[in-house]
C-alpha atoms as a PDB file:
ATOM      1  CA  UNK A   1       6.631 107.227 103.440  1.00  0.00           C
ATOM      2  CA  UNK A   2       9.478 108.949 101.658  1.00  0.00           C
ATOM      3  CA  UNK A   3       8.748 111.270  98.753  1.00  0.00           C
ATOM      4  CA  UNK A   4       8.960 108.520  96.140  1.00  0.00           C
ATOM      5  CA  UNK A   5       7.941 105.564  98.301  1.00  0.00           C
ATOM      6  CA  UNK A   6       4.822 103.920  99.655  1.00  0.00           C
ATOM      7  CA  UNK A   7       3.624 104.058 103.253  1.00  0.00           C
ATOM      8  CA  UNK A   8       5.095 101.536 105.686  1.00  0.00           C
ATOM      9  CA  UNK A   9       4.299 100.965 109.355  1.00  0.00           C
ATOM     10  CA  UNK A  10       6.906 102.674 111.554  1.00  0.00           C
ATOM     11  CA  UNK A  11       5.664 101.474 114.928  1.00  0.00           C
ATOM     12  CA  UNK A  12       2.653 100.569 117.038  1.00  0.00           C
ATOM     13  CA  UNK A  13       2.558 102.581 120.264  1.00  0.00           C
ATOM     14  CA  UNK A  14       1.172 101.716 123.718  1.00  0.00           C
ATOM     15  CA  UNK A  15      -2.290 102.940 124.615  1.00  0.00           C
ATOM     16  CA  UNK A  16      -2.631 106.605 125.640  1.00  0.00           C
ATOM     17  CA  UNK A  17       0.599 107.592 123.878  1.00  0.00           C
ATOM     18  CA  UNK A  18       0.345 111.044 122.342  1.00  0.00           C
ATOM     19  CA  UNK A  19       3.864 111.639 120.976  1.00  0.00           C
ATOM     20  CA  UNK A  20       6.438 109.716 118.963  1.00  0.00           C
ATOM     21  CA  UNK A  21       9.876 110.783 117.725  1.00  0.00           C
ATOM     22  CA  UNK A  22      11.048 109.128 114.526  1.00  0.00           C
ATOM     23  CA  UNK A  23      14.832 108.974 114.466  1.00  0.00           C
ATOM     24  CA  UNK A  24      17.514 107.458 112.266  1.00  0.00           C
ATOM     25  CA  UNK A  25      16.194 109.203 109.163  1.00  0.00           C
ATOM     26  CA  UNK A  26      18.091 110.011 105.981  1.00  0.00           C
ATOM     27  CA  UNK A  27      19.295 113.568 105.541  1.00  0.00           C
ATOM     28  CA  UNK A  28      17.771 115.885 102.931  1.00  0.00           C
ATOM     29  CA  UNK A  29      14.705 113.644 102.615  1.00  0.00           C
ATOM     30  CA  UNK A  30      10.998 114.455 102.671  1.00  0.00           C
ATOM     31  CA  UNK A  31       8.942 112.177 104.929  1.00  0.00           C
ATOM     32  CA  UNK A  32       5.163 111.837 105.122  1.00  0.00           C
ATOM     33  CA  UNK A  33       3.282 110.470 108.124  1.00  0.00           C
ATOM     34  CA  UNK A  34      -0.231 109.423 109.004  1.00  0.00           C
ATOM     35  CA  UNK A  35      -1.661 107.674 112.053  1.00  0.00           C
ATOM     36  CA  UNK A  36      -4.694 105.635 113.008  1.00  0.00           C
ATOM     37  CA  UNK A  37      -6.113 104.140 116.185  1.00  0.00           C
ATOM     38  CA  UNK A  38      -6.284 100.380 116.620  1.00  0.00           C
ATOM     39  CA  UNK A  39      -9.204  98.790 118.451  1.00  0.00           C
ATOM     40  CA  UNK A  40     -10.658  95.386 119.221  1.00  0.00           C
ATOM     41  CA  UNK A  41     -13.732  96.222 117.154  1.00  0.00           C
ATOM     42  CA  UNK A  42     -11.787  97.699 114.242  1.00  0.00           C
ATOM     43  CA  UNK A  43      -9.350 100.428 113.268  1.00  0.00           C
ATOM     44  CA  UNK A  44     -10.018 104.097 112.655  1.00  0.00           C
ATOM     45  CA  UNK A  45      -9.406 105.666 109.227  1.00  0.00           C
ATOM     46  CA  UNK A  46      -5.947 107.119 108.657  1.00  0.00           C
ATOM     47  CA  UNK A  47      -5.403 110.745 109.652  1.00  0.00           C
ATOM     48  CA  UNK A  48      -4.535 113.526 107.235  1.00  0.00           C
ATOM     49  CA  UNK A  49      -0.939 113.292 106.006  1.00  0.00           C
ATOM     50  CA  UNK A  50       1.728 115.451 107.662  1.00  0.00           C
ATOM     51  CA  UNK A  51       5.103 116.036 105.993  1.00  0.00           C
ATOM     52  CA  UNK A  52       8.570 117.122 107.101  1.00  0.00           C
ATOM     53  CA  UNK A  53      11.966 117.361 105.419  1.00  0.00           C
ATOM     54  CA  UNK A  54      15.193 116.515 107.244  1.00  0.00           C
ATOM     55  CA  UNK A  55      18.188 118.823 107.067  1.00  0.00           C
ATOM     56  CA  UNK A  56      21.679 118.124 105.841  1.00  0.00           C
ATOM     57  CA  UNK A  57      22.768 116.543 109.121  1.00  0.00           C
ATOM     58  CA  UNK A  58      19.429 114.852 109.783  1.00  0.00           C
ATOM     59  CA  UNK A  59      17.237 115.631 112.789  1.00  0.00           C
ATOM     60  CA  UNK A  60      18.540 115.142 116.320  1.00  0.00           C
ATOM     61  CA  UNK A  61      15.761 115.448 118.892  1.00  0.00           C
ATOM     62  CA  UNK A  62      16.840 115.384 122.546  1.00  0.00           C
ATOM     63  CA  UNK A  63      14.785 112.819 124.447  1.00  0.00           C
ATOM     64  CA  UNK A  64      14.634 112.445 128.220  1.00  0.00           C
ATOM     65  CA  UNK A  65      12.679 109.516 129.672  1.00  0.00           C
ATOM     66  CA  UNK A  66      11.880 109.114 133.368  1.00  0.00           C
ATOM     67  CA  UNK A  67      10.677 105.844 134.914  1.00  0.00           C
ATOM     68  CA  UNK A  68       9.862 105.089 138.548  1.00  0.00           C
ATOM     69  CA  UNK A  69      10.040 101.711 140.275  1.00  0.00           C
ATOM     70  CA  UNK A  70       6.559 100.449 141.139  1.00  0.00           C
ATOM     71  CA  UNK A  71       4.852 103.356 139.339  1.00  0.00           C
ATOM     72  CA  UNK A  72       3.033 103.118 136.011  1.00  0.00           C
ATOM     73  CA  UNK A  73       3.452 106.849 135.317  1.00  0.00           C
ATOM     74  CA  UNK A  74       6.464 107.765 133.178  1.00  0.00           C
ATOM     75  CA  UNK A  75       7.603 110.874 131.354  1.00  0.00           C
ATOM     76  CA  UNK A  76       8.769 111.649 127.820  1.00  0.00           C
ATOM     77  CA  UNK A  77      10.372 115.098 127.845  1.00  0.00           C
ATOM     78  CA  UNK A  78       8.312 115.903 130.971  1.00  0.00           C
ATOM     79  CA  UNK A  79       5.052 114.862 129.303  1.00  0.00           C
ATOM     80  CA  UNK A  80       3.064 112.404 131.412  1.00  0.00           C
ATOM     81  CA  UNK A  81       2.326 108.954 129.981  1.00  0.00           C
ATOM     82  CA  UNK A  82       0.929 105.729 131.429  1.00  0.00           C
ATOM     83  CA  UNK A  83       2.157 102.141 131.219  1.00  0.00           C
ATOM     84  CA  UNK A  84      -0.057  99.110 131.715  1.00  0.00           C
ATOM     85  CA  UNK A  85       2.473  97.757 134.219  1.00  0.00           C
ATOM     86  CA  UNK A  86       5.266  99.104 136.425  1.00  0.00           C
ATOM     87  CA  UNK A  87       9.078  98.868 136.292  1.00  0.00           C
ATOM     88  CA  UNK A  88      10.601  96.398 138.757  1.00  0.00           C
ATOM     89  CA  UNK A  89      14.021  95.673 140.215  1.00  0.00           C
ATOM     90  CA  UNK A  90      15.220  92.130 139.589  1.00  0.00           C
ATOM     91  CA  UNK A  91      18.703  90.892 140.477  1.00  0.00           C
ATOM     92  CA  UNK A  92      19.696  94.482 141.200  1.00  0.00           C
ATOM     93  CA  UNK A  93      18.690  95.832 137.781  1.00  0.00           C
ATOM     94  CA  UNK A  94      15.695  97.784 136.495  1.00  0.00           C
ATOM     95  CA  UNK A  95      13.409  95.769 134.199  1.00  0.00           C
ATOM     96  CA  UNK A  96      10.376  96.953 132.248  1.00  0.00           C
ATOM     97  CA  UNK A  97       8.495  96.238 128.998  1.00  0.00           C
ATOM     98  CA  UNK A  98      11.101  97.763 126.736  1.00  0.00           C
ATOM     99  CA  UNK A  99       8.727  99.268 124.167  1.00  0.00           C
ATOM    100  CA  UNK A 100       7.977 102.130 126.560  1.00  0.00           C
ATOM    101  CA  UNK A 101      11.630 103.165 126.418  1.00  0.00           C
ATOM    102  CA  UNK A 102      12.517 101.971 122.933  1.00  0.00           C
ATOM    103  CA  UNK A 103       9.839 103.599 120.835  1.00  0.00           C
ATOM    104  CA  UNK A 104      10.420 107.215 122.012  1.00  0.00           C
ATOM    105  CA  UNK A 105      14.079 106.667 121.091  1.00  0.00           C
ATOM    106  CA  UNK A 106      13.287 105.413 117.585  1.00  0.00           C
ATOM    107  CA  UNK A 107      14.123 101.788 118.396  1.00  0.00           C
ATOM    108  CA  UNK A 108      11.974  99.122 116.739  1.00  0.00           C
ATOM    109  CA  UNK A 109      10.941  96.141 118.886  1.00  0.00           C
ATOM    110  CA  UNK A 110      10.018  92.675 117.567  1.00  0.00           C
ATOM    111  CA  UNK A 111       8.888  89.611 119.539  1.00  0.00           C
ATOM    112  CA  UNK A 112       9.485  86.041 118.318  1.00  0.00           C
ATOM    113  CA  UNK A 113       7.194  83.744 120.293  1.00  0.00           C
ATOM    114  CA  UNK A 114       8.778  80.518 119.005  1.00  0.00           C
ATOM    115  CA  UNK A 115      12.258  81.534 120.187  1.00  0.00           C
ATOM    116  CA  UNK A 116      11.047  83.665 123.107  1.00  0.00           C
ATOM    117  CA  UNK A 117      13.302  86.347 121.696  1.00  0.00           C
ATOM    118  CA  UNK A 118      13.117  90.134 121.560  1.00  0.00           C
ATOM    119  CA  UNK A 119      14.917  91.885 118.705  1.00  0.00           C
ATOM    120  CA  UNK A 120      15.632  95.614 118.870  1.00  0.00           C
ATOM    121  CA  UNK A 121      16.818  97.597 115.857  1.00  0.00           C
ATOM    122  CA  UNK A 122      17.856 101.197 115.412  1.00  0.00           C
ATOM    123  CA  UNK A 123      19.637 102.347 112.243  1.00  0.00           C
ATOM    124  CA  UNK A 124      20.946  98.830 111.646  1.00  0.00           C
ATOM    125  CA  UNK A 125      22.237  98.430 115.205  1.00  0.00           C
ATOM    126  CA  UNK A 126      20.586  95.166 116.319  1.00  0.00           C
ATOM    127  CA  UNK A 127      20.257  93.611 119.774  1.00  0.00           C
ATOM    128  CA  UNK A 128      18.753  90.149 120.279  1.00  0.00           C
ATOM    129  CA  UNK A 129      17.749  88.958 123.759  1.00  0.00           C
ATOM    130  CA  UNK A 130      16.150  85.710 124.944  1.00  0.00           C
ATOM    131  CA  UNK A 131      13.932  85.139 127.979  1.00  0.00           C
ATOM    132  CA  UNK A 132      15.916  83.828 130.998  1.00  0.00           C
ATOM    133  CA  UNK A 133      19.218  83.925 129.085  1.00  0.00           C
ATOM    134  CA  UNK A 134      22.045  86.118 130.389  1.00  0.00           C
ATOM    135  CA  UNK A 135      23.738  86.399 126.992  1.00  0.00           C
ATOM    136  CA  UNK A 136      22.479  88.810 124.341  1.00  0.00           C
ATOM    137  CA  UNK A 137      23.634  89.183 120.743  1.00  0.00           C
ATOM    138  CA  UNK A 138      24.754  92.647 119.632  1.00  0.00           C
ATOM    139  CA  UNK A 139      25.190  92.911 115.869  1.00  0.00           C
ATOM    140  CA  UNK A 140      25.900  89.187 115.725  1.00  0.00           C
ATOM    141  CA  UNK A 141      28.307  89.097 118.687  1.00  0.00           C
ATOM    142  CA  UNK A 142      27.315  87.199 121.856  1.00  0.00           C
ATOM    143  CA  UNK A 143      27.686  89.457 124.903  1.00  0.00           C
ATOM    144  CA  UNK A 144      26.911  88.982 128.598  1.00  0.00           C
ATOM    145  CA  UNK A 145      24.121  91.315 129.631  1.00  0.00           C
ATOM    146  CA  UNK A 146      25.921  92.017 132.901  1.00  0.00           C
ATOM    147  CA  UNK A 147      29.358  90.386 133.256  1.00  0.00           C
ATOM    148  CA  UNK A 148      29.439  91.342 136.942  1.00  0.00           C
ATOM    149  CA  UNK A 149      26.047  89.781 137.674  1.00  0.00           C
ATOM    150  CA  UNK A 150      25.268  86.704 135.597  1.00  0.00           C
ATOM    151  CA  UNK A 151      21.755  86.467 137.063  1.00  0.00           C
ATOM    152  CA  UNK A 152      20.602  89.465 135.028  1.00  0.00           C
ATOM    153  CA  UNK A 153      18.439  88.374 132.085  1.00  0.00           C
ATOM    154  CA  UNK A 154      15.100  89.192 130.443  1.00  0.00           C
ATOM    155  CA  UNK A 155      12.230  87.832 132.530  1.00  0.00           C
ATOM    156  CA  UNK A 156       8.524  87.190 132.265  1.00  0.00           C
ATOM    157  CA  UNK A 157       6.813  88.937 135.168  1.00  0.00           C
ATOM    158  CA  UNK A 158       3.029  88.833 135.564  1.00  0.00           C
ATOM    159  CA  UNK A 159       2.743  87.713 131.917  1.00  0.00           C
ATOM    160  CA  UNK A 160       4.823  90.641 130.662  1.00  0.00           C
ATOM    161  CA  UNK A 161       8.225  90.408 128.968  1.00  0.00           C
ATOM    162  CA  UNK A 162      10.608  92.575 131.002  1.00  0.00           C
ATOM    163  CA  UNK A 163      14.073  93.568 129.739  1.00  0.00           C
ATOM    164  CA  UNK A 164      17.047  95.121 131.576  1.00  0.00           C
ATOM    165  CA  UNK A 165      16.618  98.790 130.722  1.00  0.00           C
ATOM    166  CA  UNK A 166      20.178  99.988 131.154  1.00  0.00           C
ATOM    167  CA  UNK A 167      21.730  97.277 128.981  1.00  0.00           C
ATOM    168  CA  UNK A 168      19.375  97.996 126.120  1.00  0.00           C
ATOM    169  CA  UNK A 169      19.496 101.776 126.013  1.00  0.00           C
ATOM    170  CA  UNK A 170      23.212 102.034 126.797  1.00  0.00           C
ATOM    171  CA  UNK A 171      23.918  99.927 123.725  1.00  0.00           C
ATOM    172  CA  UNK A 172      21.946 102.465 121.699  1.00  0.00           C
ATOM    173  CA  UNK A 173      24.236 105.252 122.968  1.00  0.00           C
ATOM    174  CA  UNK A 174      21.977 106.624 125.681  1.00  0.00           C
ATOM    175  CA  UNK A 175      22.950 107.949 129.085  1.00  0.00           C
ATOM    176  CA  UNK A 176      21.304 106.174 132.028  1.00  0.00           C
ATOM    177  CA  UNK A 177      21.096 107.633 135.544  1.00  0.00           C
ATOM    178  CA  UNK A 178      19.693 106.249 138.801  1.00  0.00           C
ATOM    179  CA  UNK A 179      18.265 108.483 141.540  1.00  0.00           C
ATOM    180  CA  UNK A 180      17.903 106.423 144.707  1.00  0.00           C
ATOM    181  CA  UNK A 181      15.694 108.771 146.709  1.00  0.00           C
ATOM    182  CA  UNK A 182      12.986 108.932 144.044  1.00  0.00           C
ATOM    183  CA  UNK A 183      13.576 105.390 142.730  1.00  0.00           C
ATOM    184  CA  UNK A 184      13.908 107.078 139.339  1.00  0.00           C
ATOM    185  CA  UNK A 185      15.652 105.832 136.222  1.00  0.00           C
ATOM    186  CA  UNK A 186      16.436 108.600 133.741  1.00  0.00           C
ATOM    187  CA  UNK A 187      17.396 107.915 130.120  1.00  0.00           C
ATOM    188  CA  UNK A 188      18.829 110.698 127.949  1.00  0.00           C
ATOM    189  CA  UNK A 189      19.593 110.788 124.225  1.00  0.00           C
ATOM    190  CA  UNK A 190      21.712 111.892 122.431  1.00  0.00           C
ATOM    191  CA  UNK A 191      24.873 111.684 124.529  1.00  0.00           C
ATOM    192  CA  UNK A 192      28.494 110.652 123.782  1.00  0.00           C
ATOM    193  CA  UNK A 193      28.910 106.907 123.501  1.00  0.00           C
ATOM    194  CA  UNK A 194      31.242 106.621 126.505  1.00  0.00           C
ATOM    195  CA  UNK A 195      28.675 108.021 128.966  1.00  0.00           C
ATOM    196  CA  UNK A 196      27.120 104.783 130.198  1.00  0.00           C
ATOM    197  CA  UNK A 197      26.241 103.324 133.588  1.00  0.00           C
ATOM    198  CA  UNK A 198      24.691  99.990 134.599  1.00  0.00           C
ATOM    199  CA  UNK A 199      21.580  99.991 136.819  1.00  0.00           C
END
């Protein structure tokens, strides 16, 4: 909630997540936060309210994410977290349930079952992607996910929606690096817009 507004849901995080960085905030604005746990048998009460005020330029929190092919352990700024699945390589690109990368970067993720579409939004920058389609829509403009490899598309793998990691985060101005020996994908933010690489 802002100082003169009501509480709204920012995000729902994967299980065992202990940190979240809220980005894309307005400058010189007081924000209030509270959290609660969700469970099959009911939700916990909300926590006490914590507040913070952004500066003139707004907060910029460096974020480094590390994912490993075939491993459900990943890192947010060197803090260990667990996924309920593992990243895979499909058609030469790294795919994973994108919420694990999106939410630490302040990217909202929405799933439309009827269209089989994932919509990602950060500060009004919107990406729409459809299962098994190699064309995404970036701010209303149709764009090939990988012009050099038209097989690359979001996939359903073991009942999980998996998105091409590099395409998504690079279009939110992140740097993406691949380390072959460790089978590691590293995502860094913030970085200059021109520092991008396909995986």
